[in-house]
C-alpha atoms as a PDB file:
ATOM      1  CA  UNK A   1       0.000   0.000   0.000  1.00  0.00           C
ATOM      2  CA  UNK A   2       1.284   3.417  -0.909  1.00  0.00           C
ATOM      3  CA  UNK A   3       1.536   6.336   1.492  1.00  0.00           C
ATOM      4  CA  UNK A   4      -1.342   8.674   2.052  1.00  0.00           C
ATOM      5  CA  UNK A   5      -0.183  11.801   0.277  1.00  0.00           C
ATOM      6  CA  UNK A   6      -0.984  15.025   2.090  1.00  0.00           C
ATOM      7  CA  UNK A   7       0.438  17.689  -0.193  1.00  0.00           C
ATOM      8  CA  UNK A   8       1.073  21.288   0.581  1.00  0.00           C
ATOM      9  CA  UNK A   9       2.286  23.575  -2.158  1.00  0.00           C
ATOM     10  CA  UNK A  10       3.695  27.027  -2.523  1.00  0.00           C
ATOM     11  CA  UNK A  11       4.478  28.969  -5.655  1.00  0.00           C
ATOM     12  CA  UNK A  12       6.491  32.187  -5.798  1.00  0.00           C
ATOM     13  CA  UNK A  13       7.453  33.395  -9.242  1.00  0.00           C
ATOM     14  CA  UNK A  14       9.020  30.424 -10.983  1.00  0.00           C
ATOM     15  CA  UNK A  15       9.617  28.554  -7.731  1.00  0.00           C
ATOM     16  CA  UNK A  16       7.234  25.709  -6.910  1.00  0.00           C
ATOM     17  CA  UNK A  17       7.244  23.407  -3.911  1.00  0.00           C
ATOM     18  CA  UNK A  18       5.283  20.319  -2.812  1.00  0.00           C
ATOM     19  CA  UNK A  19       5.618  18.500   0.525  1.00  0.00           C
ATOM     20  CA  UNK A  20       4.446  14.901   0.949  1.00  0.00           C
ATOM     21  CA  UNK A  21       4.271  13.408   4.448  1.00  0.00           C
ATOM     22  CA  UNK A  22       5.782   9.990   3.717  1.00  0.00           C
ATOM     23  CA  UNK A  23       4.886   7.238   6.167  1.00  0.00           C
ATOM     24  CA  UNK A  24       7.006   4.766   4.192  1.00  0.00           C
ATOM     25  CA  UNK A  25      10.139   6.897   4.412  1.00  0.00           C
ATOM     26  CA  UNK A  26       9.295   8.141   7.906  1.00  0.00           C
ATOM     27  CA  UNK A  27       9.755  11.807   7.045  1.00  0.00           C
ATOM     28  CA  UNK A  28       8.294  14.594   4.944  1.00  0.00           C
ATOM     29  CA  UNK A  29       9.582  14.706   1.377  1.00  0.00           C
ATOM     30  CA  UNK A  30       9.729  18.113  -0.290  1.00  0.00           C
ATOM     31  CA  UNK A  31       9.858  18.540  -4.054  1.00  0.00           C
ATOM     32  CA  UNK A  32      10.972  21.926  -5.299  1.00  0.00           C
ATOM     33  CA  UNK A  33      11.624  23.694  -8.555  1.00  0.00           C
ATOM     34  CA  UNK A  34      13.854  26.627  -7.628  1.00  0.00           C
ATOM     35  CA  UNK A  35      14.315  27.761 -11.211  1.00  0.00           C
ATOM     36  CA  UNK A  36      12.461  27.277 -14.478  1.00  0.00           C
ATOM     37  CA  UNK A  37      12.811  23.559 -15.130  1.00  0.00           C
ATOM     38  CA  UNK A  38      14.681  21.132 -12.878  1.00  0.00           C
ATOM     39  CA  UNK A  39      12.839  19.476  -9.990  1.00  0.00           C
ATOM     40  CA  UNK A  40      14.668  18.498  -6.799  1.00  0.00           C
ATOM     41  CA  UNK A  41      13.559  16.576  -3.744  1.00  0.00           C
ATOM     42  CA  UNK A  42      14.757  16.999  -0.209  1.00  0.00           C
ATOM     43  CA  UNK A  43      15.455  13.435   0.861  1.00  0.00           C
ATOM     44  CA  UNK A  44      18.864  13.988   2.424  1.00  0.00           C
ATOM     45  CA  UNK A  45      18.219  17.100   4.504  1.00  0.00           C
ATOM     46  CA  UNK A  46      19.603  19.397   1.803  1.00  0.00           C
ATOM     47  CA  UNK A  47      16.843  21.405   0.066  1.00  0.00           C
ATOM     48  CA  UNK A  48      16.950  23.002  -3.354  1.00  0.00           C
ATOM     49  CA  UNK A  49      19.912  22.429  -5.607  1.00  0.00           C
ATOM     50  CA  UNK A  50      21.780  20.633  -2.806  1.00  0.00           C
ATOM     51  CA  UNK A  51      18.987  18.057  -2.664  1.00  0.00           C
ATOM     52  CA  UNK A  52      18.645  15.067  -4.920  1.00  0.00           C
ATOM     53  CA  UNK A  53      17.434  15.318  -8.499  1.00  0.00           C
ATOM     54  CA  UNK A  54      14.817  12.623  -9.123  1.00  0.00           C
ATOM     55  CA  UNK A  55      15.242  10.635 -12.323  1.00  0.00           C
ATOM     56  CA  UNK A  56      13.024   8.414 -14.440  1.00  0.00           C
ATOM     57  CA  UNK A  57      13.990   4.833 -15.214  1.00  0.00           C
ATOM     58  CA  UNK A  58      16.777   5.159 -17.731  1.00  0.00           C
ATOM     59  CA  UNK A  59      18.270   8.207 -16.013  1.00  0.00           C
ATOM     60  CA  UNK A  60      16.366  11.188 -17.451  1.00  0.00           C
ATOM     61  CA  UNK A  61      16.108  13.993 -14.875  1.00  0.00           C
ATOM     62  CA  UNK A  62      12.605  14.945 -13.718  1.00  0.00           C
ATOM     63  CA  UNK A  63      11.732  18.382 -15.100  1.00  0.00           C
ATOM     64  CA  UNK A  64       8.759  20.693 -15.533  1.00  0.00           C
ATOM     65  CA  UNK A  65       8.987  24.050 -17.289  1.00  0.00           C
ATOM     66  CA  UNK A  66       5.347  25.165 -17.121  1.00  0.00           C
ATOM     67  CA  UNK A  67       3.544  27.435 -14.657  1.00  0.00           C
ATOM     68  CA  UNK A  68       0.563  25.187 -13.799  1.00  0.00           C
ATOM     69  CA  UNK A  69       0.804  24.308 -10.104  1.00  0.00           C
ATOM     70  CA  UNK A  70      -1.554  21.323 -10.492  1.00  0.00           C
ATOM     71  CA  UNK A  71       0.604  19.853 -13.253  1.00  0.00           C
ATOM     72  CA  UNK A  72       3.715  20.286 -11.093  1.00  0.00           C
ATOM     73  CA  UNK A  73       1.957  18.448  -8.234  1.00  0.00           C
ATOM     74  CA  UNK A  74       0.815  15.663 -10.595  1.00  0.00           C
ATOM     75  CA  UNK A  75       4.342  15.130 -11.939  1.00  0.00           C
ATOM     76  CA  UNK A  76       5.851  15.014  -8.439  1.00  0.00           C
ATOM     77  CA  UNK A  77       3.166  12.706  -7.009  1.00  0.00           C
ATOM     78  CA  UNK A  78       3.441  10.300  -9.941  1.00  0.00           C
ATOM     79  CA  UNK A  79       7.224  10.157  -9.628  1.00  0.00           C
ATOM     80  CA  UNK A  80       6.986   9.658  -5.849  1.00  0.00           C
ATOM     81  CA  UNK A  81       4.488   6.795  -6.211  1.00  0.00           C
ATOM     82  CA  UNK A  82       6.714   5.135  -8.806  1.00  0.00           C
ATOM     83  CA  UNK A  83       9.756   5.532  -6.530  1.00  0.00           C
ATOM     84  CA  UNK A  84       7.936   3.932  -3.586  1.00  0.00           C
ATOM     85  CA  UNK A  85       6.738   1.011  -5.775  1.00  0.00           C
ATOM     86  CA  UNK A  86      10.293   0.425  -7.019  1.00  0.00           C
ATOM     87  CA  UNK A  87      11.638   0.624  -3.477  1.00  0.00           C
ATOM     88  CA  UNK A  88       9.069  -1.896  -2.191  1.00  0.00           C
ATOM     89  CA  UNK A  89       9.723  -4.303  -5.091  1.00  0.00           C
ATOM     90  CA  UNK A  90      13.510  -4.192  -4.764  1.00  0.00           C
END
């Protein structure tokens, strides 16, 4: 069973942020887009560009260059769910 996702988002200019309270990982996970395209997630206690860049299978970096907050949330949630499934099946 996947985590219950309780998102909270903020958007300031180009910056977007989504926090998921992860029961599986035992900590909140924050996705952020500090610039215009690259998405990062705070999984190691280092937010923003010092955090980890999530990648798709095959190594492509997770990105979003639009301004639609709902689309940003959808992309992050879908990646997070996929990550948790992979982690549980490993």
